[in-house]
């Protein structure tokens, strides 16, 4: 686990949060590029939605959350929202690849 600095004021806190947000957005872009690629390997919209895979991911990340000392409830909520957004994007990509978009 990364050592968290003891901030002396709100500006330092915000600087760290801004840095982390930049890293998160970069990782979201990377994840999104792989999600886009995944659409070409899926035949149906059910394959895109993949509810069993969603639950596998949720289980994995909540376990990681405990390992890293994060709040598992927050992690699950964030991941469910993120996955829903990526599913919408992947459905649009899938439709385009199938000639429906």
N, C-alpha and C. Protein backbone atom coordinates (compact mmCIF):
# COMPACT_ATOMS: atom_id res chain seq x y z
N UNK A 1 0.84 -1.18 0.00
CA UNK A 1 0.00 0.00 0.00
C UNK A 1 0.88 1.24 0.00
N UNK A 2 0.46 2.23 -0.74
CA UNK A 2 1.22 3.47 -0.84
C UNK A 2 1.11 4.26 0.47
N UNK A 3 2.23 4.87 0.84
CA UNK A 3 2.26 5.72 2.03
C UNK A 3 1.52 7.02 1.70
N UNK A 4 0.58 7.38 2.55
CA UNK A 4 -0.19 8.60 2.35
C UNK A 4 0.48 9.72 3.14
N UNK A 5 0.74 10.82 2.44
CA UNK A 5 1.38 11.96 3.10
C UNK A 5 0.42 12.60 4.10
N UNK A 6 0.98 13.11 5.17
CA UNK A 6 0.20 13.86 6.15
C UNK A 6 0.18 15.31 5.68
N UNK A 7 -0.95 15.72 5.13
CA UNK A 7 -1.07 17.07 4.57
C UNK A 7 -1.20 18.11 5.68
N UNK A 8 -0.67 19.28 5.39
CA UNK A 8 -0.68 20.37 6.37
C UNK A 8 -1.82 21.36 6.14
N UNK A 9 -2.48 21.27 4.98
CA UNK A 9 -3.58 22.19 4.69
C UNK A 9 -4.43 21.62 3.55
N UNK A 10 -5.57 22.26 3.32
CA UNK A 10 -6.52 21.77 2.32
C UNK A 10 -5.93 21.85 0.90
N UNK A 11 -5.07 22.82 0.65
CA UNK A 11 -4.46 22.92 -0.68
C UNK A 11 -3.61 21.69 -0.99
N UNK A 12 -2.87 21.21 -0.01
CA UNK A 12 -2.07 19.99 -0.21
C UNK A 12 -2.99 18.79 -0.48
N UNK A 13 -4.07 18.70 0.27
CA UNK A 13 -5.03 17.62 0.05
C UNK A 13 -5.55 17.68 -1.38
N UNK A 14 -5.95 18.86 -1.81
CA UNK A 14 -6.51 19.03 -3.15
C UNK A 14 -5.48 18.75 -4.24
N UNK A 15 -4.24 19.10 -4.00
CA UNK A 15 -3.18 18.81 -4.96
C UNK A 15 -3.04 17.31 -5.15
N UNK A 16 -3.07 16.56 -4.06
CA UNK A 16 -2.97 15.10 -4.15
C UNK A 16 -4.20 14.51 -4.85
N UNK A 17 -5.37 15.02 -4.50
CA UNK A 17 -6.60 14.53 -5.14
C UNK A 17 -6.57 14.82 -6.64
N UNK A 18 -6.14 16.01 -7.03
CA UNK A 18 -6.05 16.35 -8.45
C UNK A 18 -5.08 15.42 -9.19
N UNK A 19 -3.95 15.12 -8.55
CA UNK A 19 -2.98 14.19 -9.16
C UNK A 19 -3.60 12.81 -9.34
N UNK A 20 -4.27 12.35 -8.31
CA UNK A 20 -4.91 11.04 -8.37
C UNK A 20 -6.01 11.02 -9.44
N UNK A 21 -6.81 12.10 -9.52
CA UNK A 21 -7.85 12.17 -10.54
C UNK A 21 -7.26 12.06 -11.94
N UNK A 22 -6.14 12.70 -12.16
CA UNK A 22 -5.47 12.62 -13.47
C UNK A 22 -5.06 11.18 -13.77
N UNK A 23 -4.52 10.49 -12.77
CA UNK A 23 -4.13 9.09 -12.95
C UNK A 23 -5.35 8.21 -13.21
N UNK A 24 -6.44 8.45 -12.48
CA UNK A 24 -7.65 7.67 -12.67
C UNK A 24 -8.21 7.86 -14.07
N UNK A 25 -8.27 9.10 -14.54
CA UNK A 25 -8.80 9.36 -15.88
C UNK A 25 -7.93 8.70 -16.95
N UNK A 26 -6.62 8.74 -16.77
CA UNK A 26 -5.72 8.06 -17.72
C UNK A 26 -6.00 6.56 -17.73
N UNK A 27 -6.23 5.98 -16.58
CA UNK A 27 -6.54 4.55 -16.50
C UNK A 27 -7.92 4.25 -17.09
N UNK A 28 -8.87 5.16 -16.91
CA UNK A 28 -10.19 4.97 -17.53
C UNK A 28 -10.08 4.99 -19.05
N UNK A 29 -9.25 5.86 -19.57
CA UNK A 29 -9.04 5.91 -21.02
C UNK A 29 -8.44 4.60 -21.51
N UNK A 30 -7.47 4.09 -20.79
CA UNK A 30 -6.84 2.82 -21.16
C UNK A 30 -7.86 1.69 -21.08
N UNK A 31 -8.63 1.64 -20.01
CA UNK A 31 -9.64 0.60 -19.85
C UNK A 31 -10.67 0.69 -20.98
N UNK A 32 -11.08 1.91 -21.29
CA UNK A 32 -12.06 2.13 -22.36
C UNK A 32 -11.57 1.65 -23.71
N UNK A 33 -10.30 1.80 -23.98
CA UNK A 33 -9.75 1.32 -25.25
C UNK A 33 -9.84 -0.20 -25.34
N UNK A 34 -9.63 -0.87 -24.22
CA UNK A 34 -9.77 -2.34 -24.22
C UNK A 34 -11.23 -2.76 -24.32
N UNK A 35 -12.11 -2.02 -23.66
CA UNK A 35 -13.54 -2.31 -23.76
C UNK A 35 -13.98 -2.19 -25.21
N UNK A 36 -13.50 -1.16 -25.89
CA UNK A 36 -13.86 -0.98 -27.30
C UNK A 36 -13.40 -2.17 -28.13
N UNK A 37 -12.22 -2.67 -27.86
CA UNK A 37 -11.72 -3.85 -28.57
C UNK A 37 -12.56 -5.08 -28.26
N UNK A 38 -13.03 -5.18 -27.02
CA UNK A 38 -13.82 -6.35 -26.61
C UNK A 38 -15.08 -6.49 -27.44
N UNK A 39 -15.64 -5.36 -27.88
CA UNK A 39 -16.90 -5.39 -28.64
C UNK A 39 -16.79 -6.24 -29.91
N UNK A 40 -15.62 -6.27 -30.50
CA UNK A 40 -15.48 -7.03 -31.75
C UNK A 40 -15.45 -8.54 -31.54
N UNK A 41 -15.30 -8.97 -30.29
CA UNK A 41 -15.25 -10.40 -29.99
C UNK A 41 -16.59 -10.93 -29.47
N UNK A 42 -17.56 -10.05 -29.34
CA UNK A 42 -18.85 -10.44 -28.77
C UNK A 42 -19.91 -10.45 -29.86
N UNK A 43 -20.71 -11.51 -29.87
CA UNK A 43 -21.69 -11.69 -30.94
C UNK A 43 -23.02 -11.01 -30.68
N UNK A 44 -23.44 -10.96 -29.42
CA UNK A 44 -24.76 -10.42 -29.11
C UNK A 44 -24.66 -9.34 -28.04
N UNK A 45 -25.77 -8.61 -27.88
CA UNK A 45 -25.79 -7.60 -26.82
C UNK A 45 -25.75 -8.26 -25.44
N UNK A 46 -26.27 -9.47 -25.34
CA UNK A 46 -26.17 -10.20 -24.07
C UNK A 46 -24.72 -10.48 -23.74
N UNK A 47 -23.94 -10.83 -24.77
CA UNK A 47 -22.50 -11.04 -24.56
C UNK A 47 -21.84 -9.75 -24.07
N UNK A 48 -22.28 -8.62 -24.60
CA UNK A 48 -21.72 -7.33 -24.18
C UNK A 48 -22.07 -7.05 -22.72
N UNK A 49 -23.32 -7.28 -22.35
CA UNK A 49 -23.76 -6.98 -20.98
C UNK A 49 -23.13 -7.92 -19.96
N UNK A 50 -22.92 -9.17 -20.32
CA UNK A 50 -22.20 -10.17 -19.53
C UNK A 50 -22.38 -10.05 -18.02
N UNK A 51 -23.60 -10.26 -17.51
CA UNK A 51 -23.83 -10.06 -16.08
C UNK A 51 -22.95 -10.94 -15.18
N UNK A 52 -22.62 -12.13 -15.62
CA UNK A 52 -21.74 -12.98 -14.79
C UNK A 52 -20.35 -12.37 -14.69
N UNK A 53 -19.86 -11.82 -15.80
CA UNK A 53 -18.54 -11.18 -15.79
C UNK A 53 -18.56 -9.95 -14.90
N UNK A 54 -19.65 -9.20 -14.95
CA UNK A 54 -19.77 -8.02 -14.08
C UNK A 54 -19.61 -8.43 -12.63
N UNK A 55 -20.31 -9.48 -12.22
CA UNK A 55 -20.23 -9.93 -10.84
C UNK A 55 -18.84 -10.46 -10.48
N UNK A 56 -18.16 -11.09 -11.44
CA UNK A 56 -16.77 -11.53 -11.20
C UNK A 56 -15.88 -10.33 -10.92
N UNK A 57 -16.04 -9.29 -11.74
CA UNK A 57 -15.23 -8.08 -11.56
C UNK A 57 -15.53 -7.44 -10.21
N UNK A 58 -16.81 -7.33 -9.86
CA UNK A 58 -17.19 -6.72 -8.59
C UNK A 58 -16.59 -7.51 -7.43
N UNK A 59 -16.67 -8.81 -7.50
CA UNK A 59 -16.10 -9.65 -6.44
C UNK A 59 -14.59 -9.43 -6.32
N UNK A 60 -13.93 -9.38 -7.47
CA UNK A 60 -12.47 -9.19 -7.49
C UNK A 60 -12.08 -7.83 -6.90
N UNK A 61 -12.77 -6.77 -7.32
CA UNK A 61 -12.36 -5.44 -6.87
C UNK A 61 -12.73 -5.17 -5.42
N UNK A 62 -13.81 -5.77 -4.94
CA UNK A 62 -14.11 -5.58 -3.52
C UNK A 62 -13.09 -6.31 -2.65
N UNK A 63 -12.60 -7.46 -3.11
CA UNK A 63 -11.52 -8.15 -2.39
C UNK A 63 -10.25 -7.30 -2.42
N UNK A 64 -9.94 -6.72 -3.58
CA UNK A 64 -8.77 -5.84 -3.68
C UNK A 64 -8.93 -4.63 -2.76
N UNK A 65 -10.14 -4.14 -2.67
CA UNK A 65 -10.43 -3.00 -1.83
C UNK A 65 -10.03 -3.28 -0.38
N UNK A 66 -10.41 -4.45 0.10
CA UNK A 66 -10.04 -4.85 1.46
C UNK A 66 -8.52 -4.94 1.58
N UNK A 67 -7.90 -5.55 0.59
CA UNK A 67 -6.43 -5.71 0.60
C UNK A 67 -5.72 -4.36 0.68
N UNK A 68 -6.24 -3.35 -0.04
CA UNK A 68 -5.59 -2.05 -0.08
C UNK A 68 -6.09 -1.07 0.97
N UNK A 69 -7.04 -1.51 1.79
CA UNK A 69 -7.54 -0.63 2.85
C UNK A 69 -8.54 0.40 2.37
N UNK A 70 -9.18 0.14 1.24
CA UNK A 70 -10.21 1.04 0.73
C UNK A 70 -11.57 0.60 1.27
N UNK A 71 -12.54 1.45 1.11
CA UNK A 71 -13.89 1.14 1.54
C UNK A 71 -14.56 0.25 0.48
N UNK A 72 -14.87 -1.02 0.81
CA UNK A 72 -15.44 -1.93 -0.18
C UNK A 72 -16.78 -1.47 -0.74
N UNK A 73 -17.58 -0.80 0.07
CA UNK A 73 -18.87 -0.30 -0.41
C UNK A 73 -18.68 0.78 -1.47
N UNK A 74 -17.76 1.70 -1.20
CA UNK A 74 -17.47 2.75 -2.18
C UNK A 74 -16.90 2.13 -3.45
N UNK A 75 -15.98 1.20 -3.29
CA UNK A 75 -15.38 0.53 -4.45
C UNK A 75 -16.46 -0.13 -5.30
N UNK A 76 -17.36 -0.85 -4.66
CA UNK A 76 -18.43 -1.52 -5.41
C UNK A 76 -19.31 -0.51 -6.14
N UNK A 77 -19.69 0.55 -5.46
CA UNK A 77 -20.55 1.56 -6.08
C UNK A 77 -19.86 2.21 -7.28
N UNK A 78 -18.60 2.55 -7.12
CA UNK A 78 -17.85 3.18 -8.21
C UNK A 78 -17.73 2.22 -9.39
N UNK A 79 -17.40 0.98 -9.11
CA UNK A 79 -17.23 0.00 -10.19
C UNK A 79 -18.55 -0.30 -10.89
N UNK A 80 -19.64 -0.40 -10.14
CA UNK A 80 -20.93 -0.65 -10.80
C UNK A 80 -21.29 0.50 -11.74
N UNK A 81 -21.05 1.72 -11.29
CA UNK A 81 -21.33 2.88 -12.15
C UNK A 81 -20.40 2.91 -13.35
N UNK A 82 -19.12 2.64 -13.12
CA UNK A 82 -18.14 2.64 -14.22
C UNK A 82 -18.48 1.56 -15.24
N UNK A 83 -18.77 0.36 -14.75
CA UNK A 83 -19.08 -0.74 -15.65
C UNK A 83 -20.33 -0.43 -16.45
N UNK A 84 -21.35 0.15 -15.83
CA UNK A 84 -22.57 0.52 -16.55
C UNK A 84 -22.25 1.49 -17.69
N UNK A 85 -21.40 2.47 -17.41
CA UNK A 85 -21.00 3.42 -18.46
C UNK A 85 -20.24 2.74 -19.58
N UNK A 86 -19.33 1.84 -19.21
CA UNK A 86 -18.57 1.12 -20.24
C UNK A 86 -19.46 0.18 -21.03
N UNK A 87 -20.44 -0.43 -20.39
CA UNK A 87 -21.37 -1.30 -21.13
C UNK A 87 -22.13 -0.47 -22.16
N UNK A 88 -22.60 0.71 -21.78
CA UNK A 88 -23.29 1.58 -22.73
C UNK A 88 -22.39 1.91 -23.92
N UNK A 89 -21.13 2.24 -23.63
CA UNK A 89 -20.18 2.57 -24.71
C UNK A 89 -19.92 1.35 -25.58
N UNK A 90 -19.78 0.19 -24.94
CA UNK A 90 -19.51 -1.03 -25.70
C UNK A 90 -20.72 -1.44 -26.53
N UNK A 91 -21.92 -1.23 -26.01
CA UNK A 91 -23.12 -1.52 -26.80
C UNK A 91 -23.17 -0.66 -28.06
N UNK A 92 -22.81 0.61 -27.92
CA UNK A 92 -22.77 1.50 -29.09
C UNK A 92 -21.72 1.03 -30.08
N UNK A 93 -20.55 0.65 -29.60
CA UNK A 93 -19.49 0.15 -30.47
C UNK A 93 -19.92 -1.15 -31.14
N UNK A 94 -20.55 -2.02 -30.38
CA UNK A 94 -21.03 -3.30 -30.92
C UNK A 94 -22.05 -3.06 -32.03
N UNK A 95 -22.98 -2.14 -31.79
CA UNK A 95 -23.98 -1.81 -32.81
C UNK A 95 -23.32 -1.29 -34.07
N UNK A 96 -22.32 -0.44 -33.91
CA UNK A 96 -21.61 0.09 -35.08
C UNK A 96 -20.93 -1.04 -35.84
N UNK A 97 -20.28 -1.93 -35.12
CA UNK A 97 -19.59 -3.06 -35.78
C UNK A 97 -20.57 -4.00 -36.46
N UNK A 98 -21.79 -4.09 -35.93
CA UNK A 98 -22.81 -4.98 -36.52
C UNK A 98 -23.57 -4.28 -37.65
N UNK A 99 -23.23 -3.00 -37.88
CA UNK A 99 -23.88 -2.25 -38.94
C UNK A 99 -25.22 -1.65 -38.53
N UNK A 100 -25.41 -1.49 -37.23
CA UNK A 100 -26.68 -0.92 -36.73
C UNK A 100 -26.50 0.47 -36.15
N UNK A 101 -25.30 1.02 -36.28
CA UNK A 101 -25.08 2.29 -35.60
C UNK A 101 -24.73 3.40 -36.47
